[in-house]
């Protein structure tokens, strides 16, 4: 009897565990609930946290901005390495066909290459963490792109051109975006940005908006030592070359400038006799950087010559064409097109010969036989945006 009762108790316990309210059923129900939570909700939660981290104002700039890049690029690089390992395991299986080996080998190489190029910028930027690159930006643009879906945040960007003419693009926080746009609009779109950044990941370390260039910015890119500080010297630095007028047009051509097609066939007649006027024409030059400059070509000889043999007595550059910016065009004393202000010119050159026009300063020498002049134009914000320099007599002198 006791043995039978014991067997009945065991059977009852088994029945209780298998019954709808038993322990085993409860465990299965827990796993049924946890499984979709782990599979579906955990990745969504992780993505949401990562999205918040990569878009939060507090983490957008500085070392945490670099950590964002590490998470994004490093995470993608890790995924590429994991895929490469999986493909390698499949590659060494004994039943692998030749075509499968070729495909998997190619996949491994592609994944390793992707991992290399994803991680490489992070490694290269490590030395710059203590001493990041510095730049001053003009022609600022504030742009944003909408996120896709409920779990993707909007992205905000600051773009601009530095003193060397190089374009930069940085992702910034919404707070700094709104701050910059407000200053930009409130100053008639005349706004500069001083940034420090990591060059390989374009991570922004510091950002400062300013309405005028500070002394540190002017010292960051000194002009060529061949460029005079005196405007009467009539020298101008274009890219890395200093030209002192008058100068043979051949000097420009030897530096890679090309005469435009419509001007290439021009000829200039010679000046016959004392006080005869020199023949001259404005000629357009371009280079492989897609820059354009207008030069006033003179023929100071008595014979007719092709324009390529002429003498450059004047140069005209307009900032509005955006062919030149900052260090790409420097005036005596290091003044820069698109950066220097009316006050900078007055401080360096003194009072002009003529300032009757509100947005123009004119400097001229008194020698009519050897006239040297600068005509400097400024935009509504007082930024230098038009340069015309001349140093060449218009007529033959008495012999």
Foldseek 3Di string as FASTA:
>chain_A
DVVVVVVVVVVVLVCQQPDCNHPVVVVVVVCVVVVCCVVPVVVLVVLLVLQCQCAPQVQQAAPSVLVNLCCVLVVLLVVLQVLLVVLVVVLPDPVDDPVSNVVSVVSNVVSNVSSCLSCVLSVLLVVCNVPFDKWKWAPWDWDKDQFPDPRHHIWIKIWGATQLRDIAIGIHHPVVSVVVVVVCVVLVNQKMKIFTARPSSRHTHDIDIDNADDPVNLVVDDADPVFAQALVQQWKAANNDIDGPFDWLVVVVVVAKDWDPVQQADKWAAAPDAFGFWGWDWTWIAGPLRAIKIFIWTDHHRGIDGSNGTITFKIKDFCVVVRHGRRNMAHRNGDIAPHDFPVNCCVRHNAAPDDPDPFWGKHWDPDQQFIWMWIWGADPSRGTGIIMIGTHHRTHHDD
